[in-house]
Amino acid sequence: MYVIMETGGKQYRVSEGQVVKVEKLDAAEGSKVTFDNVLVYSNDGKLELGNPYISGAKVEATVLENGKNAKVIVYKYKSKKASQCKNGHRQPFTAV
């Protein structure tokens, strides 16, 4: 059994017991969250598609952790010029 759900502008394929890192949610660790935007539901080879969402379907999860991903380095350089710029970014996430 698996579900494709949407949160934070991204789509995730999840199944029961799986830990997924989604875009940061305003929820404390240990609290329950509900995702109502379910696009696809599959169980024992039977597939149900939404248009765009399946009405009445939802995914319930527990927040395990709020944190930041690994740092991504952004380096801009222009050849034959004295122009260099180095920046770093750490995207926040919520593990559910």
PDB file of N, CA and C in Angstrom:
ATOM      1  N   MET A   1       0.839  -1.172   0.000  1.00  0.00           N
ATOM      2  CA  MET A   1       0.000   0.000   0.000  1.00  0.00           C
ATOM      3  C   MET A   1       0.888   1.239   0.000  1.00  0.00           C
ATOM      4  N   TYR A   2       0.550   2.206  -0.825  1.00  0.00           N
ATOM      5  CA  TYR A   2       1.248   3.478  -0.822  1.00  0.00           C
ATOM      6  C   TYR A   2       0.288   4.592  -1.210  1.00  0.00           C
ATOM      7  N   VAL A   3       0.709   5.814  -0.888  1.00  0.00           N
ATOM      8  CA  VAL A   3      -0.075   7.010  -1.168  1.00  0.00           C
ATOM      9  C   VAL A   3       0.869   8.052  -1.740  1.00  0.00           C
ATOM     10  N   ILE A   4       0.396   8.817  -2.709  1.00  0.00           N
ATOM     11  CA  ILE A   4       1.132   9.986  -3.181  1.00  0.00           C
ATOM     12  C   ILE A   4       0.393  11.207  -2.668  1.00  0.00           C
ATOM     13  N   MET A   5       1.096  11.995  -1.836  1.00  0.00           N
ATOM     14  CA  MET A   5       0.471  13.171  -1.229  1.00  0.00           C
ATOM     15  C   MET A   5       1.262  14.416  -1.604  1.00  0.00           C
ATOM     16  N   GLU A   6       0.652  15.569  -1.386  1.00  0.00           N
ATOM     17  CA  GLU A   6       1.270  16.832  -1.735  1.00  0.00           C
ATOM     18  C   GLU A   6       1.347  17.715  -0.494  1.00  0.00           C
ATOM     19  N   THR A   7       2.526  18.276  -0.248  1.00  0.00           N
ATOM     20  CA  THR A   7       2.704  19.259   0.814  1.00  0.00           C
ATOM     21  C   THR A   7       3.911  20.125   0.491  1.00  0.00           C
ATOM     22  N   GLY A   8       3.804  21.404   0.773  1.00  0.00           N
ATOM     23  CA  GLY A   8       4.925  22.309   0.521  1.00  0.00           C
ATOM     24  C   GLY A   8       5.261  22.471  -0.942  1.00  0.00           C
ATOM     25  N   GLY A   9       4.312  22.241  -1.837  1.00  0.00           N
ATOM     26  CA  GLY A   9       4.561  22.383  -3.265  1.00  0.00           C
ATOM     27  C   GLY A   9       5.267  21.189  -3.884  1.00  0.00           C
ATOM     28  N   LYS A  10       5.462  20.112  -3.103  1.00  0.00           N
ATOM     29  CA  LYS A  10       6.133  18.916  -3.607  1.00  0.00           C
ATOM     30  C   LYS A  10       5.237  17.704  -3.382  1.00  0.00           C
ATOM     31  N   GLN A  11       5.490  16.654  -4.141  1.00  0.00           N
ATOM     32  CA  GLN A  11       4.725  15.417  -4.014  1.00  0.00           C
ATOM     33  C   GLN A  11       5.631  14.323  -3.460  1.00  0.00           C
ATOM     34  N   TYR A  12       5.075  13.515  -2.552  1.00  0.00           N
ATOM     35  CA  TYR A  12       5.836  12.459  -1.891  1.00  0.00           C
ATOM     36  C   TYR A  12       5.075  11.146  -1.995  1.00  0.00           C
ATOM     37  N   ARG A  13       5.822  10.066  -2.290  1.00  0.00           N
ATOM     38  CA  ARG A  13       5.251   8.717  -2.288  1.00  0.00           C
ATOM     39  C   ARG A  13       5.583   8.105  -0.941  1.00  0.00           C
ATOM     40  N   VAL A  14       4.563   7.832  -0.136  1.00  0.00           N
ATOM     41  CA  VAL A  14       4.777   7.342   1.220  1.00  0.00           C
ATOM     42  C   VAL A  14       3.985   6.065   1.455  1.00  0.00           C
ATOM     43  N   SER A  15       4.510   5.255   2.372  1.00  0.00           N
ATOM     44  CA  SER A  15       3.801   4.062   2.803  1.00  0.00           C
ATOM     45  C   SER A  15       3.844   4.034   4.327  1.00  0.00           C
ATOM     46  N   GLU A  16       3.116   3.111   4.911  1.00  0.00           N
ATOM     47  CA  GLU A  16       2.993   3.045   6.362  1.00  0.00           C
ATOM     48  C   GLU A  16       4.335   2.717   7.005  1.00  0.00           C
ATOM     49  N   GLY A  17       4.698   3.483   8.035  1.00  0.00           N
ATOM     50  CA  GLY A  17       5.936   3.266   8.758  1.00  0.00           C
ATOM     51  C   GLY A  17       7.155   3.955   8.163  1.00  0.00           C
ATOM     52  N   GLN A  18       7.014   4.635   7.062  1.00  0.00           N
ATOM     53  CA  GLN A  18       8.129   5.289   6.382  1.00  0.00           C
ATOM     54  C   GLN A  18       8.374   6.676   6.984  1.00  0.00           C
ATOM     55  N   VAL A  19       9.654   7.074   7.110  1.00  0.00           N
ATOM     56  CA  VAL A  19      10.022   8.404   7.581  1.00  0.00           C
ATOM     57  C   VAL A  19      10.354   9.268   6.368  1.00  0.00           C
ATOM     58  N   VAL A  20       9.703  10.444   6.277  1.00  0.00           N
ATOM     59  CA  VAL A  20       9.867  11.325   5.127  1.00  0.00           C
ATOM     60  C   VAL A  20      10.244  12.719   5.631  1.00  0.00           C
ATOM     61  N   LYS A  21      11.201  13.364   4.937  1.00  0.00           N
ATOM     62  CA  LYS A  21      11.553  14.751   5.237  1.00  0.00           C
ATOM     63  C   LYS A  21      10.765  15.649   4.297  1.00  0.00           C
ATOM     64  N   VAL A  22       9.877  16.469   4.859  1.00  0.00           N
ATOM     65  CA  VAL A  22       9.059  17.390   4.070  1.00  0.00           C
ATOM     66  C   VAL A  22       9.494  18.817   4.380  1.00  0.00           C
ATOM     67  N   GLU A  23       8.967  19.768   3.610  1.00  0.00           N
ATOM     68  CA  GLU A  23       9.246  21.167   3.884  1.00  0.00           C
ATOM     69  C   GLU A  23       8.788  21.514   5.298  1.00  0.00           C
ATOM     70  N   LYS A  24       9.437  22.500   5.916  1.00  0.00           N
ATOM     71  CA  LYS A  24       9.204  22.825   7.318  1.00  0.00           C
ATOM     72  C   LYS A  24       7.730  23.117   7.594  1.00  0.00           C
ATOM     73  N   LEU A  25       7.221  22.470   8.644  1.00  0.00           N
ATOM     74  CA  LEU A  25       5.851  22.669   9.105  1.00  0.00           C
ATOM     75  C   LEU A  25       5.880  23.352  10.464  1.00  0.00           C
ATOM     76  N   ASP A  26       4.843  24.123  10.777  1.00  0.00           N
ATOM     77  CA  ASP A  26       4.738  24.750  12.093  1.00  0.00           C
ATOM     78  C   ASP A  26       4.087  23.772  13.054  1.00  0.00           C
ATOM     79  N   ALA A  27       4.840  22.760  13.462  1.00  0.00           N
ATOM     80  CA  ALA A  27       4.336  21.745  14.384  1.00  0.00           C
ATOM     81  C   ALA A  27       5.480  21.333  15.305  1.00  0.00           C
ATOM     82  N   ALA A  28       5.161  21.134  16.567  1.00  0.00           N
ATOM     83  CA  ALA A  28       6.169  20.742  17.546  1.00  0.00           C
ATOM     84  C   ALA A  28       6.480  19.254  17.404  1.00  0.00           C
ATOM     85  N   GLU A  29       7.657  18.858  17.875  1.00  0.00           N
ATOM     86  CA  GLU A  29       8.049  17.451  17.834  1.00  0.00           C
ATOM     87  C   GLU A  29       7.115  16.632  18.721  1.00  0.00           C
ATOM     88  N   GLY A  30       6.692  15.490  18.207  1.00  0.00           N
ATOM     89  CA  GLY A  30       5.781  14.621  18.936  1.00  0.00           C
ATOM     90  C   GLY A  30       4.317  14.880  18.649  1.00  0.00           C
ATOM     91  N   SER A  31       3.994  15.987  17.967  1.00  0.00           N
ATOM     92  CA  SER A  31       2.594  16.281  17.657  1.00  0.00           C
ATOM     93  C   SER A  31       2.158  15.553  16.392  1.00  0.00           C
ATOM     94  N   LYS A  32       0.862  15.450  16.193  1.00  0.00           N
ATOM     95  CA  LYS A  32       0.290  14.785  15.021  1.00  0.00           C
ATOM     96  C   LYS A  32      -0.049  15.832  13.968  1.00  0.00           C
ATOM     97  N   VAL A  33       0.198  15.495  12.701  1.00  0.00           N
ATOM     98  CA  VAL A  33      -0.173  16.347  11.579  1.00  0.00           C
ATOM     99  C   VAL A  33      -0.999  15.525  10.596  1.00  0.00           C
ATOM    100  N   THR A  34      -1.869  16.198   9.864  1.00  0.00           N
ATOM    101  CA  THR A  34      -2.732  15.540   8.886  1.00  0.00           C
ATOM    102  C   THR A  34      -2.527  16.204   7.530  1.00  0.00           C
ATOM    103  N   PHE A  35      -2.309  15.385   6.512  1.00  0.00           N
ATOM    104  CA  PHE A  35      -2.169  15.858   5.146  1.00  0.00           C
ATOM    105  C   PHE A  35      -3.431  15.461   4.382  1.00  0.00           C
ATOM    106  N   ASP A  36      -4.177  16.463   3.888  1.00  0.00           N
ATOM    107  CA  ASP A  36      -5.444  16.211   3.198  1.00  0.00           C
ATOM    108  C   ASP A  36      -5.290  16.117   1.685  1.00  0.00           C
ATOM    109  N   ASN A  37      -4.168  16.571   1.150  1.00  0.00           N
ATOM    110  CA  ASN A  37      -3.977  16.593  -0.298  1.00  0.00           C
ATOM    111  C   ASN A  37      -3.420  15.256  -0.777  1.00  0.00           C
ATOM    112  N   VAL A  38      -4.294  14.269  -0.949  1.00  0.00           N
ATOM    113  CA  VAL A  38      -3.905  12.935  -1.414  1.00  0.00           C
ATOM    114  C   VAL A  38      -4.236  12.838  -2.901  1.00  0.00           C
ATOM    115  N   LEU A  39      -3.213  12.555  -3.714  1.00  0.00           N
ATOM    116  CA  LEU A  39      -3.381  12.494  -5.162  1.00  0.00           C
ATOM    117  C   LEU A  39      -3.685  11.082  -5.651  1.00  0.00           C
ATOM    118  N   VAL A  40      -2.981  10.078  -5.100  1.00  0.00           N
ATOM    119  CA  VAL A  40      -3.112   8.694  -5.542  1.00  0.00           C
ATOM    120  C   VAL A  40      -3.128   7.785  -4.323  1.00  0.00           C
ATOM    121  N   TYR A  41      -3.978   6.746  -4.372  1.00  0.00           N
ATOM    122  CA  TYR A  41      -4.029   5.742  -3.321  1.00  0.00           C
ATOM    123  C   TYR A  41      -3.986   4.367  -3.980  1.00  0.00           C
ATOM    124  N   SER A  42      -3.030   3.530  -3.560  1.00  0.00           N
ATOM    125  CA  SER A  42      -2.893   2.200  -4.126  1.00  0.00           C
ATOM    126  C   SER A  42      -2.880   1.181  -3.004  1.00  0.00           C
ATOM    127  N   ASN A  43      -3.708   0.130  -3.151  1.00  0.00           N
ATOM    128  CA  ASN A  43      -3.785  -0.932  -2.155  1.00  0.00           C
ATOM    129  C   ASN A  43      -4.048  -2.249  -2.868  1.00  0.00           C
ATOM    130  N   ASP A  44      -3.127  -3.205  -2.740  1.00  0.00           N
ATOM    131  CA  ASP A  44      -3.255  -4.530  -3.344  1.00  0.00           C
ATOM    132  C   ASP A  44      -3.510  -4.474  -4.850  1.00  0.00           C
ATOM    133  N   GLY A  45      -2.789  -3.586  -5.546  1.00  0.00           N
ATOM    134  CA  GLY A  45      -2.923  -3.500  -6.995  1.00  0.00           C
ATOM    135  C   GLY A  45      -4.106  -2.666  -7.454  1.00  0.00           C
ATOM    136  N   LYS A  46      -4.973  -2.253  -6.527  1.00  0.00           N
ATOM    137  CA  LYS A  46      -6.110  -1.402  -6.882  1.00  0.00           C
ATOM    138  C   LYS A  46      -5.669   0.055  -6.753  1.00  0.00           C
ATOM    139  N   LEU A  47      -5.799   0.823  -7.817  1.00  0.00           N
ATOM    140  CA  LEU A  47      -5.319   2.191  -7.866  1.00  0.00           C
ATOM    141  C   LEU A  47      -6.501   3.150  -7.916  1.00  0.00           C
ATOM    142  N   GLU A  48      -6.455   4.173  -7.047  1.00  0.00           N
ATOM    143  CA  GLU A  48      -7.499   5.198  -7.037  1.00  0.00           C
ATOM    144  C   GLU A  48      -6.836   6.544  -7.290  1.00  0.00           C
ATOM    145  N   LEU A  49      -7.292   7.250  -8.313  1.00  0.00           N
ATOM    146  CA  LEU A  49      -6.726   8.535  -8.701  1.00  0.00           C
ATOM    147  C   LEU A  49      -7.673   9.651  -8.325  1.00  0.00           C
ATOM    148  N   GLY A  50      -7.108  10.780  -7.915  1.00  0.00           N
ATOM    149  CA  GLY A  50      -7.916  11.949  -7.586  1.00  0.00           C
ATOM    150  C   GLY A  50      -7.983  12.904  -8.752  1.00  0.00           C
ATOM    151  N   ASN A  51      -8.913  13.837  -8.664  1.00  0.00           N
ATOM    152  CA  ASN A  51      -9.077  14.827  -9.718  1.00  0.00           C
ATOM    153  C   ASN A  51      -9.264  16.209  -9.107  1.00  0.00           C
ATOM    154  N   PRO A  52      -8.291  16.956  -8.647  1.00  0.00           N
ATOM    155  CA  PRO A  52      -6.895  16.566  -8.492  1.00  0.00           C
ATOM    156  C   PRO A  52      -6.637  15.788  -7.196  1.00  0.00           C
ATOM    157  N   TYR A  53      -7.537  15.899  -6.195  1.00  0.00           N
ATOM    158  CA  TYR A  53      -7.333  15.201  -4.930  1.00  0.00           C
ATOM    159  C   TYR A  53      -8.464  14.204  -4.695  1.00  0.00           C
ATOM    160  N   ILE A  54      -8.187  13.195  -3.869  1.00  0.00           N
ATOM    161  CA  ILE A  54      -9.204  12.218  -3.494  1.00  0.00           C
ATOM    162  C   ILE A  54      -9.972  12.790  -2.308  1.00  0.00           C
ATOM    163  N   SER A  55     -11.281  12.945  -2.456  1.00  0.00           N
ATOM    164  CA  SER A  55     -12.068  13.532  -1.376  1.00  0.00           C
ATOM    165  C   SER A  55     -12.212  12.532  -0.228  1.00  0.00           C
ATOM    166  N   GLY A  56     -12.023  13.031   0.975  1.00  0.00           N
ATOM    167  CA  GLY A  56     -12.157  12.198   2.162  1.00  0.00           C
ATOM    168  C   GLY A  56     -10.908  11.436   2.545  1.00  0.00           C
ATOM    169  N   ALA A  57      -9.883  11.425   1.699  1.00  0.00           N
ATOM    170  CA  ALA A  57      -8.649  10.704   2.010  1.00  0.00           C
ATOM    171  C   ALA A  57      -7.693  11.633   2.738  1.00  0.00           C
ATOM    172  N   LYS A  58      -6.961  11.075   3.707  1.00  0.00           N
ATOM    173  CA  LYS A  58      -5.979  11.871   4.429  1.00  0.00           C
ATOM    174  C   LYS A  58      -4.874  10.963   4.944  1.00  0.00           C
ATOM    175  N   VAL A  59      -3.730  11.569   5.214  1.00  0.00           N
ATOM    176  CA  VAL A  59      -2.574  10.865   5.757  1.00  0.00           C
ATOM    177  C   VAL A  59      -2.264  11.491   7.110  1.00  0.00           C
ATOM    178  N   GLU A  60      -2.195  10.664   8.139  1.00  0.00           N
ATOM    179  CA  GLU A  60      -1.864  11.142   9.476  1.00  0.00           C
ATOM    180  C   GLU A  60      -0.446  10.718   9.810  1.00  0.00           C
ATOM    181  N   ALA A  61       0.330  11.633  10.398  1.00  0.00           N
ATOM    182  CA  ALA A  61       1.725  11.359  10.719  1.00  0.00           C
ATOM    183  C   ALA A  61       2.099  12.036  12.028  1.00  0.00           C
ATOM    184  N   THR A  62       3.180  11.577  12.621  1.00  0.00           N
ATOM    185  CA  THR A  62       3.725  12.163  13.837  1.00  0.00           C
ATOM    186  C   THR A  62       5.025  12.874  13.488  1.00  0.00           C
ATOM    187  N   VAL A  63       5.209  14.089  14.023  1.00  0.00           N
ATOM    188  CA  VAL A  63       6.426  14.849  13.776  1.00  0.00           C
ATOM    189  C   VAL A  63       7.545  14.252  14.620  1.00  0.00           C
ATOM    190  N   LEU A  64       8.612  13.800  13.951  1.00  0.00           N
ATOM    191  CA  LEU A  64       9.746  13.206  14.646  1.00  0.00           C
ATOM    192  C   LEU A  64      10.827  14.234  14.954  1.00  0.00           C
ATOM    193  N   GLU A  65      11.063  15.161  14.026  1.00  0.00           N
ATOM    194  CA  GLU A  65      12.192  16.079  14.169  1.00  0.00           C
ATOM    195  C   GLU A  65      11.987  17.312  13.302  1.00  0.00           C
ATOM    196  N   ASN A  66      12.413  18.468  13.802  1.00  0.00           N
ATOM    197  CA  ASN A  66      12.544  19.687  13.013  1.00  0.00           C
ATOM    198  C   ASN A  66      14.025  20.006  12.941  1.00  0.00           C
ATOM    199  N   GLY A  67      14.553  20.242  11.748  1.00  0.00           N
ATOM    200  CA  GLY A  67      15.983  20.480  11.625  1.00  0.00           C
ATOM    201  C   GLY A  67      16.333  21.169  10.328  1.00  0.00           C
ATOM    202  N   LYS A  68      17.630  21.102   9.992  1.00  0.00           N
ATOM    203  CA  LYS A  68      18.122  21.701   8.757  1.00  0.00           C
ATOM    204  C   LYS A  68      18.913  20.653   7.987  1.00  0.00           C
ATOM    205  N   ASN A  69      18.788  20.683   6.651  1.00  0.00           N
ATOM    206  CA  ASN A  69      19.534  19.782   5.780  1.00  0.00           C
ATOM    207  C   ASN A  69      21.000  20.195   5.710  1.00  0.00           C
ATOM    208  N   ALA A  70      21.794  19.423   5.013  1.00  0.00           N
ATOM    209  CA  ALA A  70      23.204  19.736   4.821  1.00  0.00           C
ATOM    210  C   ALA A  70      23.349  21.039   4.039  1.00  0.00           C
ATOM    211  N   LYS A  71      24.469  21.713   4.246  1.00  0.00           N
ATOM    212  CA  LYS A  71      24.693  22.998   3.602  1.00  0.00           C
ATOM    213  C   LYS A  71      24.951  22.832   2.107  1.00  0.00           C
ATOM    214  N   VAL A  72      24.330  23.705   1.332  1.00  0.00           N
ATOM    215  CA  VAL A  72      24.533  23.765  -0.116  1.00  0.00           C
ATOM    216  C   VAL A  72      25.330  25.035  -0.390  1.00  0.00           C
ATOM    217  N   ILE A  73      26.456  24.893  -1.079  1.00  0.00           N
ATOM    218  CA  ILE A  73      27.315  26.040  -1.394  1.00  0.00           C
ATOM    219  C   ILE A  73      26.921  26.613  -2.748  1.00  0.00           C
ATOM    220  N   VAL A  74      26.705  27.929  -2.783  1.00  0.00           N
ATOM    221  CA  VAL A  74      26.401  28.641  -4.020  1.00  0.00           C
ATOM    222  C   VAL A  74      27.603  29.527  -4.317  1.00  0.00           C
ATOM    223  N   TYR A  75      28.287  29.250  -5.430  1.00  0.00           N
ATOM    224  CA  TYR A  75      29.499  29.986  -5.774  1.00  0.00           C
ATOM    225  C   TYR A  75      29.330  30.620  -7.142  1.00  0.00           C
ATOM    226  N   LYS A  76      29.406  31.947  -7.183  1.00  0.00           N
ATOM    227  CA  LYS A  76      29.293  32.672  -8.449  1.00  0.00           C
ATOM    228  C   LYS A  76      30.660  33.248  -8.806  1.00  0.00           C
ATOM    229  N   TYR A  77      31.039  33.085 -10.060  1.00  0.00           N
ATOM    230  CA  TYR A  77      32.354  33.505 -10.515  1.00  0.00           C
ATOM    231  C   TYR A  77      32.258  33.985 -11.948  1.00  0.00           C
ATOM    232  N   LYS A  78      32.891  35.121 -12.223  1.00  0.00           N
ATOM    233  CA  LYS A  78      32.942  35.627 -13.582  1.00  0.00           C
ATOM    234  C   LYS A  78      34.403  35.666 -14.013  1.00  0.00           C
ATOM    235  N   SER A  79      34.691  34.960 -15.104  1.00  0.00           N
ATOM    236  CA  SER A  79      36.077  34.874 -15.560  1.00  0.00           C
ATOM    237  C   SER A  79      36.582  36.231 -16.061  1.00  0.00           C
ATOM    238  N   LYS A  80      37.850  36.462 -15.877  1.00  0.00           N
ATOM    239  CA  LYS A  80      38.550  37.672 -16.321  1.00  0.00           C
ATOM    240  C   LYS A  80      38.032  38.933 -15.639  1.00  0.00           C
ATOM    241  N   LYS A  81      37.322  38.777 -14.557  1.00  0.00           N
ATOM    242  CA  LYS A  81      36.831  39.905 -13.764  1.00  0.00           C
ATOM    243  C   LYS A  81      37.232  39.642 -12.316  1.00  0.00           C
ATOM    244  N   ALA A  82      37.148  40.635 -11.494  1.00  0.00           N
ATOM    245  CA  ALA A  82      37.448  40.462 -10.071  1.00  0.00           C
ATOM    246  C   ALA A  82      36.127  40.245  -9.319  1.00  0.00           C
ATOM    247  N   SER A  83      35.320  39.317  -9.827  1.00  0.00           N
ATOM    248  CA  SER A  83      33.995  39.098  -9.252  1.00  0.00           C
ATOM    249  C   SER A  83      33.860  37.657  -8.776  1.00  0.00           C
ATOM    250  N   GLN A  84      33.735  37.486  -7.466  1.00  0.00           N
ATOM    251  CA  GLN A  84      33.498  36.179  -6.867  1.00  0.00           C
ATOM    252  C   GLN A  84      32.533  36.358  -5.714  1.00  0.00           C
ATOM    253  N   CYS A  85      31.632  35.389  -5.546  1.00  0.00           N
ATOM    254  CA  CYS A  85      30.668  35.451  -4.456  1.00  0.00           C
ATOM    255  C   CYS A  85      30.388  34.028  -3.980  1.00  0.00           C
ATOM    256  N   LYS A  86      30.579  33.785  -2.691  1.00  0.00           N
ATOM    257  CA  LYS A  86      30.346  32.458  -2.132  1.00  0.00           C
ATOM    258  C   LYS A  86      29.312  32.572  -1.017  1.00  0.00           C
ATOM    259  N   ASN A  87      28.210  31.825  -1.167  1.00  0.00           N
ATOM    260  CA  ASN A  87      27.148  31.806  -0.170  1.00  0.00           C
ATOM    261  C   ASN A  87      26.798  30.368   0.173  1.00  0.00           C
ATOM    262  N   GLY A  88      26.268  30.171   1.364  1.00  0.00           N
ATOM    263  CA  GLY A  88      25.802  28.861   1.782  1.00  0.00           C
ATOM    264  C   GLY A  88      24.343  28.947   2.215  1.00  0.00           C
ATOM    265  N   HIS A  89      23.640  27.809   2.112  1.00  0.00           N
ATOM    266  CA  HIS A  89      22.224  27.780   2.489  1.00  0.00           C
ATOM    267  C   HIS A  89      21.890  26.423   3.093  1.00  0.00           C
ATOM    268  N   ARG A  90      21.143  26.427   4.205  1.00  0.00           N
ATOM    269  CA  ARG A  90      20.665  25.185   4.821  1.00  0.00           C
ATOM    270  C   ARG A  90      19.140  25.248   4.874  1.00  0.00           C
ATOM    271  N   GLN A  91      18.498  24.365   4.113  1.00  0.00           N
ATOM    272  CA  GLN A  91      17.044  24.353   4.011  1.00  0.00           C
ATOM    273  C   GLN A  91      16.430  23.677   5.233  1.00  0.00           C
ATOM    274  N   PRO A  92      15.489  24.315   5.922  1.00  0.00           N
ATOM    275  CA  PRO A  92      14.838  23.658   7.057  1.00  0.00           C
ATOM    276  C   PRO A  92      13.877  22.553   6.604  1.00  0.00           C
ATOM    277  N   PHE A  93      13.710  21.507   7.436  1.00  0.00           N
ATOM    278  CA  PHE A  93      12.823  20.415   7.109  1.00  0.00           C
ATOM    279  C   PHE A  93      12.104  19.922   8.369  1.00  0.00           C
ATOM    280  N   THR A  94      11.089  19.125   8.154  1.00  0.00           N
ATOM    281  CA  THR A  94      10.383  18.440   9.225  1.00  0.00           C
ATOM    282  C   THR A  94      10.326  16.960   8.852  1.00  0.00           C
ATOM    283  N   ALA A  95      10.815  16.106   9.729  1.00  0.00           N
ATOM    284  CA  ALA A  95      10.765  14.660   9.500  1.00  0.00           C
ATOM    285  C   ALA A  95       9.478  14.127  10.121  1.00  0.00           C
ATOM    286  N   VAL A  96       8.652  13.452   9.303  1.00  0.00           N
ATOM    287  CA  VAL A  96       7.385  12.876   9.776  1.00  0.00           C
ATOM    288  C   VAL A  96       7.357  11.397   9.485  1.00  0.00           C
TER     289      VAL A  96
END
